[in-house]
Structures are given as structure tokens and as C-alpha cells.
Amino acid sequence: MIFHGYGATPADHWFAWLAEQLETDGISTTIPTLPHPLDPDPGQWEDDVRAALGDPDEHTIVIAHSLGCLPVLRYLRSLPGSWRLRTLVLVSGFIDRLPVLPELDGFIGEGCDVTGLRDHIGRIVIVRSDNDSIVPPAHTDRLAEQFGISAQVVPSGGHFLADEGVTELPAVRDAISS
């Protein structure tokens, strides 16, 4: 399952390319539409993540981009009991407010406490570029540190947007298939 971020739709950026790659590898993939991407409501996005993801299991793979990472993390944090998730890939993920998008401060709020999530997830991969102008690389590194890992760096990837020339993202495909 692939969750888009702020201002995006399932048809944008590298999402359809990745879904096609995963389907070719025999991994059923959906890209839910999160409502009002230019005016996102955190409660609605979390509800939609819950509806799309349901109860994850040891076969579930979740990929999220940018603002889409927060409702995914918040939903996973809300799950009771001993659930499992096979793989979580966060692309340009963050839990801190973004200096260039103060209009998202209300959505971001206090971020998300990820304590304990690692115990439920088989593999966590966090991907960032070295020149992201929207999510400071230090924000993504801080999220990775919260999980006790280092972010994988894709040189000159920007924010991994189509208008930056990113319509394929092999680093994410490779993170899932390895």
C-alpha cells in the first residue's frame, strides 16, 4: 500500500511506477486517495489510512511519502496488541514541523511518538535525498534515529516529486524486494 503526501494524488510522482513494479513482483498494491490533499485534515487522513490498511499482518508492506508518513505512523501507534507489519518504507518522512510549510503546523502538531513501533515491524527503511527543499534532511534523519536506523540517501532526489524529474524511485523498490 502506498500513501501519498500533501498536494498529491495516487497518479502523481513515482507512485504508479512503484505500484506497477510491485505488481510485477507479485505484490498486490493499492494507492488510496487521501482527501483534500491541499487542505488535509489529520483526523480524516488517519481515518482513511485505518480504512485502507485495516489490521496489518506479517505480509503487509506500507510505503508513505512526506506528509503521508504521519497518519500512517499515528495509525500504527494506535494499534493495540501484538500486531505485525512486514515492511514500512518512509520517503521524506518527518515528525517535526516544516519551516517552508507553516500552514501544515496544525496537521503536524506534536508529530508522533514512534516508541515501540519497531517491535512490531519486520523491516523499516527511511529514504531521503541530500537536497530536499521541503523536508529538511535533518528532519528525516531525526525520524530515522527514533527508529534506531540511518536514513538511506538518494543523491539529488529533491523531495522525490515528478516536477523535480522523479517519476521512478528504484531505492524504494529495492528496499522492498531485498
C-alpha atoms as a PDB file:
ATOM      1  CA  MET A   1       0.000   0.000   0.000  1.00  0.00           C
ATOM      2  CA  ILE A   2       1.348   3.402  -0.992  1.00  0.00           C
ATOM      3  CA  PHE A   3       0.178   6.594   0.746  1.00  0.00           C
ATOM      4  CA  HIS A   4       0.744   9.943  -0.962  1.00  0.00           C
ATOM      5  CA  GLY A   5       1.508  13.216   0.758  1.00  0.00           C
ATOM      6  CA  TYR A   6       0.476  16.861   0.758  1.00  0.00           C
ATOM      7  CA  GLY A   7      -0.836  18.193  -2.531  1.00  0.00           C
ATOM      8  CA  ALA A   8      -0.512  14.817  -4.248  1.00  0.00           C
ATOM      9  CA  THR A   9      -2.798  12.159  -5.671  1.00  0.00           C
ATOM     10  CA  PRO A  10      -2.249   8.457  -6.382  1.00  0.00           C
ATOM     11  CA  ALA A  11      -1.425   9.368 -10.011  1.00  0.00           C
ATOM     12  CA  ASP A  12       1.475  11.656  -9.064  1.00  0.00           C
ATOM     13  CA  HIS A  13       5.231  11.318  -8.844  1.00  0.00           C
ATOM     14  CA  TRP A  14       6.597   7.741  -8.667  1.00  0.00           C
ATOM     15  CA  PHE A  15       3.583   6.062  -7.051  1.00  0.00           C
ATOM     16  CA  ALA A  16       2.082   4.398 -10.147  1.00  0.00           C
ATOM     17  CA  TRP A  17       5.533   3.319 -11.340  1.00  0.00           C
ATOM     18  CA  LEU A  18       6.239   1.675  -7.969  1.00  0.00           C
ATOM     19  CA  ALA A  19       2.816   0.017  -7.866  1.00  0.00           C
ATOM     20  CA  GLU A  20       3.449  -1.446 -11.333  1.00  0.00           C
ATOM     21  CA  GLN A  21       6.892  -2.699 -10.269  1.00  0.00           C
ATOM     22  CA  LEU A  22       5.474  -4.339  -7.144  1.00  0.00           C
ATOM     23  CA  GLU A  23       2.582  -5.917  -9.054  1.00  0.00           C
ATOM     24  CA  THR A  24       5.130  -7.372 -11.496  1.00  0.00           C
ATOM     25  CA  ASP A  25       6.883  -8.885  -8.469  1.00  0.00           C
ATOM     26  CA  GLY A  26       3.581 -10.440  -7.362  1.00  0.00           C
ATOM     27  CA  ILE A  27       2.877  -7.898  -4.608  1.00  0.00           C
ATOM     28  CA  SER A  28      -0.712  -6.654  -4.738  1.00  0.00           C
ATOM     29  CA  THR A  29      -0.576  -2.868  -4.375  1.00  0.00           C
ATOM     30  CA  THR A  30      -3.115  -0.109  -3.827  1.00  0.00           C
ATOM     31  CA  ILE A  31      -2.674   3.651  -3.643  1.00  0.00           C
ATOM     32  CA  PRO A  32      -5.548   5.105  -1.622  1.00  0.00           C
ATOM     33  CA  THR A  33      -6.670   8.669  -2.250  1.00  0.00           C
ATOM     34  CA  LEU A  34      -6.342  10.750   0.898  1.00  0.00           C
ATOM     35  CA  PRO A  35      -8.974  13.516   0.831  1.00  0.00           C
ATOM     36  CA  HIS A  36      -8.366  17.211   0.258  1.00  0.00           C
ATOM     37  CA  PRO A  37      -4.605  16.894  -0.360  1.00  0.00           C
ATOM     38  CA  LEU A  38      -4.154  20.683  -0.458  1.00  0.00           C
ATOM     39  CA  ASP A  39      -6.117  21.175   2.778  1.00  0.00           C
ATOM     40  CA  PRO A  40      -5.562  17.920   4.671  1.00  0.00           C
ATOM     41  CA  ASP A  41      -7.392  17.127   7.882  1.00  0.00           C
ATOM     42  CA  PRO A  42      -5.305  14.909  10.182  1.00  0.00           C
ATOM     43  CA  GLY A  43      -8.309  13.067  11.612  1.00  0.00           C
ATOM     44  CA  GLN A  44      -9.727  12.347   8.160  1.00  0.00           C
ATOM     45  CA  TRP A  45      -6.380  11.185   6.813  1.00  0.00           C
ATOM     46  CA  GLU A  46      -5.889   8.899   9.824  1.00  0.00           C
ATOM     47  CA  ASP A  47      -9.411   7.501   9.365  1.00  0.00           C
ATOM     48  CA  ASP A  48      -8.704   6.858   5.685  1.00  0.00           C
ATOM     49  CA  VAL A  49      -5.378   5.172   6.495  1.00  0.00           C
ATOM     50  CA  ARG A  50      -7.223   2.997   9.040  1.00  0.00           C
ATOM     51  CA  ALA A  51      -9.894   2.086   6.478  1.00  0.00           C
ATOM     52  CA  ALA A  52      -7.335   1.299   3.772  1.00  0.00           C
ATOM     53  CA  LEU A  53      -4.813  -0.545   5.911  1.00  0.00           C
ATOM     54  CA  GLY A  54      -7.073  -2.367   8.350  1.00  0.00           C
ATOM     55  CA  ASP A  55      -5.256  -4.880  10.512  1.00  0.00           C
ATOM     56  CA  PRO A  56      -1.708  -5.242   9.197  1.00  0.00           C
ATOM     57  CA  ASP A  57      -0.015  -8.616   9.285  1.00  0.00           C
ATOM     58  CA  GLU A  58       3.365 -10.163   8.556  1.00  0.00           C
ATOM     59  CA  HIS A  59       2.664  -9.861   4.797  1.00  0.00           C
ATOM     60  CA  THR A  60       1.699  -6.173   4.808  1.00  0.00           C
ATOM     61  CA  ILE A  61       4.011  -3.644   3.164  1.00  0.00           C
ATOM     62  CA  VAL A  62       3.388   0.075   3.653  1.00  0.00           C
ATOM     63  CA  ILE A  63       5.103   2.882   1.766  1.00  0.00           C
ATOM     64  CA  ALA A  64       4.375   6.516   2.608  1.00  0.00           C
ATOM     65  CA  HIS A  65       5.672   9.776   1.190  1.00  0.00           C
ATOM     66  CA  SER A  66       6.187  13.030   3.065  1.00  0.00           C
ATOM     67  CA  LEU A  67       3.051  14.153   4.949  1.00  0.00           C
ATOM     68  CA  GLY A  68       1.506  10.734   4.278  1.00  0.00           C
ATOM     69  CA  CYS A  69       4.002   9.273   6.762  1.00  0.00           C
ATOM     70  CA  LEU A  70       2.386  10.983   9.755  1.00  0.00           C
ATOM     71  CA  PRO A  71      -1.111   9.457   9.530  1.00  0.00           C
ATOM     72  CA  VAL A  72       0.478   6.057   8.848  1.00  0.00           C
ATOM     73  CA  LEU A  73       2.683   6.333  11.929  1.00  0.00           C
ATOM     74  CA  ARG A  74      -0.202   7.637  14.036  1.00  0.00           C
ATOM     75  CA  TYR A  75      -2.442   4.780  12.926  1.00  0.00           C
ATOM     76  CA  LEU A  76       0.213   2.163  13.624  1.00  0.00           C
ATOM     77  CA  ARG A  77       0.825   3.775  17.023  1.00  0.00           C
ATOM     78  CA  SER A  78      -2.895   3.427  17.835  1.00  0.00           C
ATOM     79  CA  LEU A  79      -2.999  -0.328  17.191  1.00  0.00           C
ATOM     80  CA  PRO A  80      -3.453  -2.450  20.303  1.00  0.00           C
ATOM     81  CA  GLY A  81      -1.987  -5.857  20.983  1.00  0.00           C
ATOM     82  CA  SER A  82       0.686  -7.804  19.169  1.00  0.00           C
ATOM     83  CA  TRP A  83       0.227  -6.798  15.541  1.00  0.00           C
ATOM     84  CA  ARG A  84       2.949  -7.257  12.898  1.00  0.00           C
ATOM     85  CA  LEU A  85       3.904  -5.395   9.738  1.00  0.00           C
ATOM     86  CA  ARG A  86       6.323  -6.887   7.233  1.00  0.00           C
ATOM     87  CA  THR A  87       7.885  -3.685   5.880  1.00  0.00           C
ATOM     88  CA  LEU A  88       7.494   0.051   6.412  1.00  0.00           C
ATOM     89  CA  VAL A  89       9.167   2.426   3.956  1.00  0.00           C
ATOM     90  CA  LEU A  90       9.012   6.146   4.714  1.00  0.00           C
ATOM     91  CA  VAL A  91      10.131   8.515   1.948  1.00  0.00           C
ATOM     92  CA  SER A  92      10.996  12.068   3.040  1.00  0.00           C
ATOM     93  CA  GLY A  93       9.306  11.253   6.319  1.00  0.00           C
ATOM     94  CA  PHE A  94       9.288  13.574   9.300  1.00  0.00           C
ATOM     95  CA  ILE A  95       7.659  14.174  12.682  1.00  0.00           C
ATOM     96  CA  ASP A  96       8.675  17.826  13.120  1.00  0.00           C
ATOM     97  CA  ARG A  97       7.101  20.993  11.761  1.00  0.00           C
ATOM     98  CA  LEU A  98       8.325  22.149   8.364  1.00  0.00           C
ATOM     99  CA  PRO A  99       9.822  25.644   8.118  1.00  0.00           C
ATOM    100  CA  VAL A 100       8.702  26.069   4.466  1.00  0.00           C
ATOM    101  CA  LEU A 101       5.098  24.917   5.100  1.00  0.00           C
ATOM    102  CA  PRO A 102       3.843  26.573   8.292  1.00  0.00           C
ATOM    103  CA  GLU A 103       0.279  26.035   7.022  1.00  0.00           C
ATOM    104  CA  LEU A 104       0.757  22.364   7.969  1.00  0.00           C
ATOM    105  CA  ASP A 105       1.636  23.095  11.610  1.00  0.00           C
ATOM    106  CA  GLY A 106      -1.890  22.192  12.727  1.00  0.00           C
ATOM    107  CA  PHE A 107      -1.719  18.851  10.903  1.00  0.00           C
ATOM    108  CA  ILE A 108       1.765  18.060  12.182  1.00  0.00           C
ATOM    109  CA  GLY A 109       1.051  19.223  15.728  1.00  0.00           C
ATOM    110  CA  GLU A 110       3.447  17.446  18.067  1.00  0.00           C
ATOM    111  CA  GLY A 111       4.377  14.893  15.405  1.00  0.00           C
ATOM    112  CA  CYS A 112       4.130  11.276  16.519  1.00  0.00           C
ATOM    113  CA  ASP A 113       5.762   9.253  19.262  1.00  0.00           C
ATOM    114  CA  VAL A 114       7.158   6.201  17.479  1.00  0.00           C
ATOM    115  CA  THR A 115       8.350   4.486  20.661  1.00  0.00           C
ATOM    116  CA  GLY A 116       7.672   0.760  20.477  1.00  0.00           C
ATOM    117  CA  LEU A 117       6.688   0.650  16.794  1.00  0.00           C
ATOM    118  CA  ARG A 118       9.954  -1.018  15.798  1.00  0.00           C
ATOM    119  CA  ASP A 119       8.987  -4.076  17.877  1.00  0.00           C
ATOM    120  CA  HIS A 120       6.031  -4.685  15.538  1.00  0.00           C
ATOM    121  CA  ILE A 121       7.718  -4.080  12.181  1.00  0.00           C
ATOM    122  CA  GLY A 122       9.965  -6.600  10.464  1.00  0.00           C
ATOM    123  CA  ARG A 123      11.832  -4.068   8.348  1.00  0.00           C
ATOM    124  CA  ILE A 124      11.914  -0.277   8.426  1.00  0.00           C
ATOM    125  CA  VAL A 125      13.537   1.732   5.652  1.00  0.00           C
ATOM    126  CA  ILE A 126      13.676   5.507   5.611  1.00  0.00           C
ATOM    127  CA  VAL A 127      14.689   7.230   2.370  1.00  0.00           C
ATOM    128  CA  ARG A 128      15.670  10.853   1.897  1.00  0.00           C
ATOM    129  CA  SER A 129      17.654  12.919  -0.535  1.00  0.00           C
ATOM    130  CA  ASP A 130      20.554  15.220   0.203  1.00  0.00           C
ATOM    131  CA  ASN A 131      18.796  18.242  -1.302  1.00  0.00           C
ATOM    132  CA  ASP A 132      15.162  18.115  -0.169  1.00  0.00           C
ATOM    133  CA  SER A 133      13.877  21.710  -0.167  1.00  0.00           C
ATOM    134  CA  ILE A 134      10.587  20.830   1.586  1.00  0.00           C
ATOM    135  CA  VAL A 135      11.555  18.391   4.339  1.00  0.00           C
ATOM    136  CA  PRO A 136      14.961  19.276   5.764  1.00  0.00           C
ATOM    137  CA  PRO A 137      17.197  16.191   5.596  1.00  0.00           C
ATOM    138  CA  ALA A 138      17.852  16.621   9.335  1.00  0.00           C
ATOM    139  CA  HIS A 139      14.119  16.083   9.978  1.00  0.00           C
ATOM    140  CA  THR A 140      14.188  12.749   8.142  1.00  0.00           C
ATOM    141  CA  ASP A 141      17.410  11.784   9.914  1.00  0.00           C
ATOM    142  CA  ARG A 142      15.778  12.533  13.269  1.00  0.00           C
ATOM    143  CA  LEU A 143      12.863  10.239  12.388  1.00  0.00           C
ATOM    144  CA  ALA A 144      15.316   7.504  11.391  1.00  0.00           C
ATOM    145  CA  GLU A 145      17.159   7.947  14.688  1.00  0.00           C
ATOM    146  CA  GLN A 146      13.862   7.469  16.555  1.00  0.00           C
ATOM    147  CA  PHE A 147      13.743   4.006  14.966  1.00  0.00           C
ATOM    148  CA  GLY A 148      17.420   3.348  15.675  1.00  0.00           C
ATOM    149  CA  ILE A 149      18.410   3.297  11.998  1.00  0.00           C
ATOM    150  CA  SER A 150      20.071   5.562   9.455  1.00  0.00           C
ATOM    151  CA  ALA A 151      18.234   7.020   6.516  1.00  0.00           C
ATOM    152  CA  GLN A 152      19.192   5.848   3.037  1.00  0.00           C
ATOM    153  CA  VAL A 153      20.270   8.839   0.965  1.00  0.00           C
ATOM    154  CA  VAL A 154      19.378   9.197  -2.711  1.00  0.00           C
ATOM    155  CA  PRO A 155      21.697  11.865  -4.129  1.00  0.00           C
ATOM    156  CA  SER A 156      19.980  14.881  -5.732  1.00  0.00           C
ATOM    157  CA  GLY A 157      16.486  13.402  -5.322  1.00  0.00           C
ATOM    158  CA  GLY A 158      14.925  16.608  -4.042  1.00  0.00           C
ATOM    159  CA  HIS A 159      11.559  15.865  -2.452  1.00  0.00           C
ATOM    160  CA  PHE A 160      11.028  12.997  -4.915  1.00  0.00           C
ATOM    161  CA  LEU A 161       8.463  14.906  -6.963  1.00  0.00           C
ATOM    162  CA  ALA A 162       7.628  14.489 -10.637  1.00  0.00           C
ATOM    163  CA  ASP A 163       8.245  18.186 -11.277  1.00  0.00           C
ATOM    164  CA  GLU A 164      11.787  17.576  -9.997  1.00  0.00           C
ATOM    165  CA  GLY A 165      12.137  14.776 -12.550  1.00  0.00           C
ATOM    166  CA  VAL A 166      11.454  11.888 -10.156  1.00  0.00           C
ATOM    167  CA  THR A 167       8.912   9.537 -11.729  1.00  0.00           C
ATOM    168  CA  GLU A 168      10.699   6.347 -10.704  1.00  0.00           C
ATOM    169  CA  LEU A 169      12.231   5.568  -7.322  1.00  0.00           C
ATOM    170  CA  PRO A 170      14.301   2.379  -7.518  1.00  0.00           C
ATOM    171  CA  ALA A 171      15.590   2.844  -3.942  1.00  0.00           C
ATOM    172  CA  VAL A 172      12.097   2.120  -2.631  1.00  0.00           C
ATOM    173  CA  ARG A 173      11.521  -0.840  -4.948  1.00  0.00           C
ATOM    174  CA  ASP A 174      14.894  -2.236  -3.911  1.00  0.00           C
ATOM    175  CA  ALA A 175      14.094  -1.740  -0.226  1.00  0.00           C
ATOM    176  CA  ILE A 176      11.017  -3.912  -0.625  1.00  0.00           C
ATOM    177  CA  SER A 177      12.445  -6.607  -2.848  1.00  0.00           C
ATOM    178  CA  SER A 178      15.688  -7.107  -0.934  1.00  0.00           C
END
